[in-house]
Amino acid sequence: MKRMLTIAVIATFVGVIGCTNMTPQQQGTASGAAIGAVAGAGIAAVAGGSAWTGAAVGAVAGGIVGNIKGSKQQQ
């Protein structure tokens, strides 16, 4: 558990640094995908399914929604 927390903190830090020069649409896509992956994994784990599958589906759905939201902010 401690190892996973360390990996999550490092990934978050790298992600924040990498997002400094992105357009609002790119930021929306990345944020949506990340939030969707976490939510999908959590829902799948609670429902008794595969957390990896839930994360993949959630990332795709979140990325699409984030892309749409970001493109509207960019205009």
PDB file of N, CA and C in Angstrom:
ATOM      1  N   MET A   1       0.822  -1.192   0.000  1.00  0.00           N
ATOM      2  CA  MET A   1       0.000   0.000   0.000  1.00  0.00           C
ATOM      3  C   MET A   1       0.868   1.259   0.000  1.00  0.00           C
ATOM      4  N   LYS A   2       1.936   1.230   0.760  1.00  0.00           N
ATOM      5  CA  LYS A   2       2.822   2.382   0.843  1.00  0.00           C
ATOM      6  C   LYS A   2       3.498   2.633  -0.507  1.00  0.00           C
ATOM      7  N   ARG A   3       3.827   1.552  -1.207  1.00  0.00           N
ATOM      8  CA  ARG A   3       4.461   1.676  -2.522  1.00  0.00           C
ATOM      9  C   ARG A   3       3.492   2.312  -3.526  1.00  0.00           C
ATOM     10  N   MET A   4       2.234   1.898  -3.496  1.00  0.00           N
ATOM     11  CA  MET A   4       1.239   2.449  -4.404  1.00  0.00           C
ATOM     12  C   MET A   4       1.021   3.941  -4.138  1.00  0.00           C
ATOM     13  N   LEU A   5       1.011   4.320  -2.878  1.00  0.00           N
ATOM     14  CA  LEU A   5       0.854   5.733  -2.526  1.00  0.00           C
ATOM     15  C   LEU A   5       2.027   6.552  -3.045  1.00  0.00           C
ATOM     16  N   THR A   6       3.230   6.033  -2.923  1.00  0.00           N
ATOM     17  CA  THR A   6       4.414   6.724  -3.430  1.00  0.00           C
ATOM     18  C   THR A   6       4.332   6.889  -4.943  1.00  0.00           C
ATOM     19  N   ILE A   7       3.926   5.841  -5.636  1.00  0.00           N
ATOM     20  CA  ILE A   7       3.788   5.903  -7.095  1.00  0.00           C
ATOM     21  C   ILE A   7       2.723   6.924  -7.484  1.00  0.00           C
ATOM     22  N   ALA A   8       1.613   6.938  -6.762  1.00  0.00           N
ATOM     23  CA  ALA A   8       0.542   7.887  -7.058  1.00  0.00           C
ATOM     24  C   ALA A   8       0.994   9.328  -6.843  1.00  0.00           C
ATOM     25  N   VAL A   9       1.744   9.580  -5.790  1.00  0.00           N
ATOM     26  CA  VAL A   9       2.238  10.935  -5.516  1.00  0.00           C
ATOM     27  C   VAL A   9       3.214  11.376  -6.599  1.00  0.00           C
ATOM     28  N   ILE A  10       4.114  10.499  -6.996  1.00  0.00           N
ATOM     29  CA  ILE A  10       5.084  10.836  -8.043  1.00  0.00           C
ATOM     30  C   ILE A  10       4.373  11.078  -9.367  1.00  0.00           C
ATOM     31  N   ALA A  11       3.404  10.233  -9.703  1.00  0.00           N
ATOM     32  CA  ALA A  11       2.665  10.401 -10.951  1.00  0.00           C
ATOM     33  C   ALA A  11       1.893  11.716 -10.962  1.00  0.00           C
ATOM     34  N   THR A  12       1.311  12.072  -9.832  1.00  0.00           N
ATOM     35  CA  THR A  12       0.589  13.340  -9.738  1.00  0.00           C
ATOM     36  C   THR A  12       1.536  14.519  -9.912  1.00  0.00           C
ATOM     37  N   PHE A  13       2.675  14.453  -9.272  1.00  0.00           N
ATOM     38  CA  PHE A  13       3.662  15.528  -9.374  1.00  0.00           C
ATOM     39  C   PHE A  13       4.140  15.707 -10.807  1.00  0.00           C
ATOM     40  N   VAL A  14       4.469  14.610 -11.473  1.00  0.00           N
ATOM     41  CA  VAL A  14       4.918  14.669 -12.863  1.00  0.00           C
ATOM     42  C   VAL A  14       3.802  15.184 -13.762  1.00  0.00           C
ATOM     43  N   GLY A  15       2.576  14.763 -13.492  1.00  0.00           N
ATOM     44  CA  GLY A  15       1.443  15.224 -14.283  1.00  0.00           C
ATOM     45  C   GLY A  15       1.195  16.705 -14.148  1.00  0.00           C
ATOM     46  N   VAL A  16       1.348  17.224 -12.956  1.00  0.00           N
ATOM     47  CA  VAL A  16       1.142  18.664 -12.737  1.00  0.00           C
ATOM     48  C   VAL A  16       2.219  19.465 -13.448  1.00  0.00           C
ATOM     49  N   ILE A  17       3.438  19.011 -13.393  1.00  0.00           N
ATOM     50  CA  ILE A  17       4.527  19.716 -14.066  1.00  0.00           C
ATOM     51  C   ILE A  17       4.326  19.668 -15.579  1.00  0.00           C
ATOM     52  N   GLY A  18       3.877  18.547 -16.097  1.00  0.00           N
ATOM     53  CA  GLY A  18       3.691  18.396 -17.541  1.00  0.00           C
ATOM     54  C   GLY A  18       2.523  19.187 -18.089  1.00  0.00           C
ATOM     55  N   CYS A  19       1.639  19.664 -17.266  1.00  0.00           N
ATOM     56  CA  CYS A  19       0.434  20.364 -17.727  1.00  0.00           C
ATOM     57  C   CYS A  19       0.595  21.878 -17.788  1.00  0.00           C
ATOM     58  N   THR A  20       1.771  22.399 -17.571  1.00  0.00           N
ATOM     59  CA  THR A  20       1.915  23.846 -17.491  1.00  0.00           C
ATOM     60  C   THR A  20       1.770  24.549 -18.830  1.00  0.00           C
ATOM     61  N   ASN A  21       2.126  23.905 -19.935  1.00  0.00           N
ATOM     62  CA  ASN A  21       2.063  24.557 -21.244  1.00  0.00           C
ATOM     63  C   ASN A  21       0.955  23.991 -22.124  1.00  0.00           C
ATOM     64  N   MET A  22      -0.067  23.441 -21.537  1.00  0.00           N
ATOM     65  CA  MET A  22      -1.153  22.844 -22.315  1.00  0.00           C
ATOM     66  C   MET A  22      -2.269  23.849 -22.561  1.00  0.00           C
ATOM     67  N   THR A  23      -3.002  23.626 -23.649  1.00  0.00           N
ATOM     68  CA  THR A  23      -4.191  24.427 -23.919  1.00  0.00           C
ATOM     69  C   THR A  23      -5.304  23.974 -22.976  1.00  0.00           C
ATOM     70  N   PRO A  24      -6.350  24.766 -22.820  1.00  0.00           N
ATOM     71  CA  PRO A  24      -7.461  24.339 -21.972  1.00  0.00           C
ATOM     72  C   PRO A  24      -8.089  23.016 -22.432  1.00  0.00           C
ATOM     73  N   GLN A  25      -8.119  22.788 -23.736  1.00  0.00           N
ATOM     74  CA  GLN A  25      -8.681  21.533 -24.247  1.00  0.00           C
ATOM     75  C   GLN A  25      -7.801  20.347 -23.848  1.00  0.00           C
ATOM     76  N   GLN A  26      -6.502  20.485 -23.953  1.00  0.00           N
ATOM     77  CA  GLN A  26      -5.590  19.421 -23.567  1.00  0.00           C
ATOM     78  C   GLN A  26      -5.649  19.165 -22.058  1.00  0.00           C
ATOM     79  N   GLN A  27      -5.741  20.240 -21.277  1.00  0.00           N
ATOM     80  CA  GLN A  27      -5.840  20.082 -19.830  1.00  0.00           C
ATOM     81  C   GLN A  27      -7.142  19.391 -19.447  1.00  0.00           C
ATOM     82  N   GLY A  28      -8.224  19.759 -20.125  1.00  0.00           N
ATOM     83  CA  GLY A  28      -9.505  19.117 -19.853  1.00  0.00           C
ATOM     84  C   GLY A  28      -9.483  17.642 -20.172  1.00  0.00           C
ATOM     85  N   THR A  29      -8.846  17.289 -21.287  1.00  0.00           N
ATOM     86  CA  THR A  29      -8.751  15.884 -21.673  1.00  0.00           C
ATOM     87  C   THR A  29      -7.938  15.089 -20.653  1.00  0.00           C
ATOM     88  N   ALA A  30      -6.795  15.618 -20.273  1.00  0.00           N
ATOM     89  CA  ALA A  30      -5.942  14.912 -19.314  1.00  0.00           C
ATOM     90  C   ALA A  30      -6.606  14.803 -17.943  1.00  0.00           C
ATOM     91  N   SER A  31      -7.203  15.888 -17.484  1.00  0.00           N
ATOM     92  CA  SER A  31      -7.871  15.865 -16.177  1.00  0.00           C
ATOM     93  C   SER A  31      -9.068  14.922 -16.189  1.00  0.00           C
ATOM     94  N   GLY A  32      -9.844  14.984 -17.247  1.00  0.00           N
ATOM     95  CA  GLY A  32     -11.007  14.103 -17.354  1.00  0.00           C
ATOM     96  C   GLY A  32     -10.618  12.643 -17.378  1.00  0.00           C
ATOM     97  N   ALA A  33      -9.549  12.329 -18.109  1.00  0.00           N
ATOM     98  CA  ALA A  33      -9.090  10.942 -18.183  1.00  0.00           C
ATOM     99  C   ALA A  33      -8.596  10.451 -16.820  1.00  0.00           C
ATOM    100  N   ALA A  34      -7.875  11.297 -16.114  1.00  0.00           N
ATOM    101  CA  ALA A  34      -7.369  10.906 -14.792  1.00  0.00           C
ATOM    102  C   ALA A  34      -8.508  10.700 -13.795  1.00  0.00           C
ATOM    103  N   ILE A  35      -9.429  11.645 -13.768  1.00  0.00           N
ATOM    104  CA  ILE A  35     -10.560  11.532 -12.841  1.00  0.00           C
ATOM    105  C   ILE A  35     -11.432  10.333 -13.207  1.00  0.00           C
ATOM    106  N   GLY A  36     -11.637  10.131 -14.507  1.00  0.00           N
ATOM    107  CA  GLY A  36     -12.437   8.998 -14.959  1.00  0.00           C
ATOM    108  C   GLY A  36     -11.803   7.654 -14.617  1.00  0.00           C
ATOM    109  N   ALA A  37     -10.489   7.582 -14.734  1.00  0.00           N
ATOM    110  CA  ALA A  37      -9.794   6.341 -14.411  1.00  0.00           C
ATOM    111  C   ALA A  37      -9.937   5.991 -12.933  1.00  0.00           C
ATOM    112  N   VAL A  38      -9.766   6.987 -12.090  1.00  0.00           N
ATOM    113  CA  VAL A  38      -9.894   6.744 -10.647  1.00  0.00           C
ATOM    114  C   VAL A  38     -11.329   6.364 -10.292  1.00  0.00           C
ATOM    115  N   ALA A  39     -12.275   7.098 -10.842  1.00  0.00           N
ATOM    116  CA  ALA A  39     -13.682   6.807 -10.547  1.00  0.00           C
ATOM    117  C   ALA A  39     -14.078   5.436 -11.096  1.00  0.00           C
ATOM    118  N   GLY A  40     -13.652   5.123 -12.305  1.00  0.00           N
ATOM    119  CA  GLY A  40     -13.988   3.828 -12.902  1.00  0.00           C
ATOM    120  C   GLY A  40     -13.400   2.664 -12.121  1.00  0.00           C
ATOM    121  N   ALA A  41     -12.168   2.808 -11.677  1.00  0.00           N
ATOM    122  CA  ALA A  41     -11.541   1.751 -10.887  1.00  0.00           C
ATOM    123  C   ALA A  41     -12.257   1.568  -9.559  1.00  0.00           C
ATOM    124  N   GLY A  42     -12.624   2.669  -8.933  1.00  0.00           N
ATOM    125  CA  GLY A  42     -13.330   2.597  -7.656  1.00  0.00           C
ATOM    126  C   GLY A  42     -14.701   1.960  -7.783  1.00  0.00           C
ATOM    127  N   ILE A  43     -15.439   2.365  -8.797  1.00  0.00           N
ATOM    128  CA  ILE A  43     -16.775   1.799  -9.000  1.00  0.00           C
ATOM    129  C   ILE A  43     -16.690   0.320  -9.327  1.00  0.00           C
ATOM    130  N   ALA A  44     -15.745  -0.056 -10.185  1.00  0.00           N
ATOM    131  CA  ALA A  44     -15.595  -1.468 -10.546  1.00  0.00           C
ATOM    132  C   ALA A  44     -15.180  -2.311  -9.343  1.00  0.00           C
ATOM    133  N   ALA A  45     -14.304  -1.772  -8.509  1.00  0.00           N
ATOM    134  CA  ALA A  45     -13.868  -2.511  -7.329  1.00  0.00           C
ATOM    135  C   ALA A  45     -15.020  -2.724  -6.349  1.00  0.00           C
ATOM    136  N   VAL A  46     -15.839  -1.705  -6.173  1.00  0.00           N
ATOM    137  CA  VAL A  46     -16.982  -1.817  -5.271  1.00  0.00           C
ATOM    138  C   VAL A  46     -18.025  -2.777  -5.831  1.00  0.00           C
ATOM    139  N   ALA A  47     -18.198  -2.746  -7.150  1.00  0.00           N
ATOM    140  CA  ALA A  47     -19.204  -3.592  -7.787  1.00  0.00           C
ATOM    141  C   ALA A  47     -18.737  -5.034  -7.954  1.00  0.00           C
ATOM    142  N   GLY A  48     -17.475  -5.304  -7.683  1.00  0.00           N
ATOM    143  CA  GLY A  48     -16.967  -6.664  -7.776  1.00  0.00           C
ATOM    144  C   GLY A  48     -16.368  -7.011  -9.126  1.00  0.00           C
ATOM    145  N   GLY A  49     -16.146  -6.023  -9.969  1.00  0.00           N
ATOM    146  CA  GLY A  49     -15.554  -6.254 -11.283  1.00  0.00           C
ATOM    147  C   GLY A  49     -14.060  -6.024 -11.255  1.00  0.00           C
ATOM    148  N   SER A  50     -13.469  -6.000 -12.434  1.00  0.00           N
ATOM    149  CA  SER A  50     -12.037  -5.772 -12.569  1.00  0.00           C
ATOM    150  C   SER A  50     -11.745  -4.271 -12.469  1.00  0.00           C
ATOM    151  N   ALA A  51     -10.881  -3.917 -11.549  1.00  0.00           N
ATOM    152  CA  ALA A  51     -10.532  -2.509 -11.376  1.00  0.00           C
ATOM    153  C   ALA A  51      -9.805  -1.970 -12.604  1.00  0.00           C
ATOM    154  N   TRP A  52      -9.002  -2.803 -13.254  1.00  0.00           N
ATOM    155  CA  TRP A  52      -8.278  -2.369 -14.448  1.00  0.00           C
ATOM    156  C   TRP A  52      -9.237  -2.044 -15.590  1.00  0.00           C
ATOM    157  N   THR A  53     -10.238  -2.890 -15.764  1.00  0.00           N
ATOM    158  CA  THR A  53     -11.227  -2.633 -16.811  1.00  0.00           C
ATOM    159  C   THR A  53     -12.013  -1.372 -16.494  1.00  0.00           C
ATOM    160  N   GLY A  54     -12.409  -1.216 -15.255  1.00  0.00           N
ATOM    161  CA  GLY A  54     -13.122  -0.012 -14.844  1.00  0.00           C
ATOM    162  C   GLY A  54     -12.292   1.244 -15.058  1.00  0.00           C
ATOM    163  N   ALA A  55     -10.995   1.142 -14.764  1.00  0.00           N
ATOM    164  CA  ALA A  55     -10.110   2.292 -14.962  1.00  0.00           C
ATOM    165  C   ALA A  55      -9.983   2.643 -16.437  1.00  0.00           C
ATOM    166  N   ALA A  56      -9.888   1.629 -17.282  1.00  0.00           N
ATOM    167  CA  ALA A  56      -9.759   1.873 -18.724  1.00  0.00           C
ATOM    168  C   ALA A  56     -11.021   2.524 -19.285  1.00  0.00           C
ATOM    169  N   VAL A  57     -12.165   1.981 -18.925  1.00  0.00           N
ATOM    170  CA  VAL A  57     -13.434   2.542 -19.411  1.00  0.00           C
ATOM    171  C   VAL A  57     -13.630   3.951 -18.864  1.00  0.00           C
ATOM    172  N   GLY A  58     -13.339   4.144 -17.592  1.00  0.00           N
ATOM    173  CA  GLY A  58     -13.480   5.457 -16.979  1.00  0.00           C
ATOM    174  C   GLY A  58     -12.542   6.485 -17.590  1.00  0.00           C
ATOM    175  N   ALA A  59     -11.322   6.068 -17.931  1.00  0.00           N
ATOM    176  CA  ALA A  59     -10.366   6.991 -18.544  1.00  0.00           C
ATOM    177  C   ALA A  59     -10.838   7.446 -19.916  1.00  0.00           C
ATOM    178  N   VAL A  60     -11.369   6.514 -20.690  1.00  0.00           N
ATOM    179  CA  VAL A  60     -11.865   6.884 -22.022  1.00  0.00           C
ATOM    180  C   VAL A  60     -13.054   7.829 -21.904  1.00  0.00           C
ATOM    181  N   ALA A  61     -14.007   7.474 -21.062  1.00  0.00           N
ATOM    182  CA  ALA A  61     -15.196   8.318 -20.898  1.00  0.00           C
ATOM    183  C   ALA A  61     -14.824   9.692 -20.334  1.00  0.00           C
ATOM    184  N   GLY A  62     -13.967   9.712 -19.332  1.00  0.00           N
ATOM    185  CA  GLY A  62     -13.544  10.976 -18.740  1.00  0.00           C
ATOM    186  C   GLY A  62     -12.746  11.832 -19.712  1.00  0.00           C
ATOM    187  N   GLY A  63     -11.912  11.196 -20.528  1.00  0.00           N
ATOM    188  CA  GLY A  63     -11.143  11.930 -21.523  1.00  0.00           C
ATOM    189  C   GLY A  63     -12.028  12.600 -22.557  1.00  0.00           C
ATOM    190  N   ILE A  64     -13.073  11.885 -22.986  1.00  0.00           N
ATOM    191  CA  ILE A  64     -14.006  12.453 -23.964  1.00  0.00           C
ATOM    192  C   ILE A  64     -14.747  13.648 -23.366  1.00  0.00           C
ATOM    193  N   VAL A  65     -15.271  13.468 -22.164  1.00  0.00           N
ATOM    194  CA  VAL A  65     -16.008  14.555 -21.519  1.00  0.00           C
ATOM    195  C   VAL A  65     -15.085  15.743 -21.244  1.00  0.00           C
ATOM    196  N   GLY A  66     -13.880  15.477 -20.773  1.00  0.00           N
ATOM    197  CA  GLY A  66     -12.919  16.546 -20.506  1.00  0.00           C
ATOM    198  C   GLY A  66     -12.506  17.279 -21.770  1.00  0.00           C
ATOM    199  N   ASN A  67     -12.386  16.562 -22.871  1.00  0.00           N
ATOM    200  CA  ASN A  67     -12.040  17.180 -24.150  1.00  0.00           C
ATOM    201  C   ASN A  67     -13.136  18.135 -24.595  1.00  0.00           C
ATOM    202  N   ILE A  68     -14.373  17.699 -24.469  1.00  0.00           N
ATOM    203  CA  ILE A  68     -15.501  18.550 -24.868  1.00  0.00           C
ATOM    204  C   ILE A  68     -15.561  19.795 -23.987  1.00  0.00           C
ATOM    205  N   LYS A  69     -15.419  19.595 -22.685  1.00  0.00           N
ATOM    206  CA  LYS A  69     -15.469  20.736 -21.756  1.00  0.00           C
ATOM    207  C   LYS A  69     -14.312  21.694 -22.018  1.00  0.00           C
ATOM    208  N   GLY A  70     -13.120  21.160 -22.242  1.00  0.00           N
ATOM    209  CA  GLY A  70     -11.961  21.998 -22.508  1.00  0.00           C
ATOM    210  C   GLY A  70     -12.085  22.778 -23.803  1.00  0.00           C
ATOM    211  N   SER A  71     -12.683  22.161 -24.825  1.00  0.00           N
ATOM    212  CA  SER A  71     -12.827  22.864 -26.103  1.00  0.00           C
ATOM    213  C   SER A  71     -13.816  24.029 -25.968  1.00  0.00           C
ATOM    214  N   LYS A  72     -14.815  23.880 -25.110  1.00  0.00           N
ATOM    215  CA  LYS A  72     -15.761  24.983 -24.887  1.00  0.00           C
ATOM    216  C   LYS A  72     -15.119  26.107 -24.096  1.00  0.00           C
ATOM    217  N   GLN A  73     -14.211  25.786 -23.194  1.00  0.00           N
ATOM    218  CA  GLN A  73     -13.505  26.816 -22.430  1.00  0.00           C
ATOM    219  C   GLN A  73     -12.523  27.569 -23.311  1.00  0.00           C
ATOM    220  N   GLN A  74     -11.975  26.879 -24.292  1.00  0.00           N
ATOM    221  CA  GLN A  74     -10.962  27.470 -25.155  1.00  0.00           C
ATOM    222  C   GLN A  74     -11.571  28.524 -26.086  1.00  0.00           C
ATOM    223  N   GLN A  75     -12.831  28.398 -26.416  1.00  0.00           N
ATOM    224  CA  GLN A  75     -13.473  29.317 -27.359  1.00  0.00           C
ATOM    225  C   GLN A  75     -13.760  30.622 -26.761  1.00  0.00           C
TER     226      GLN A  75
END
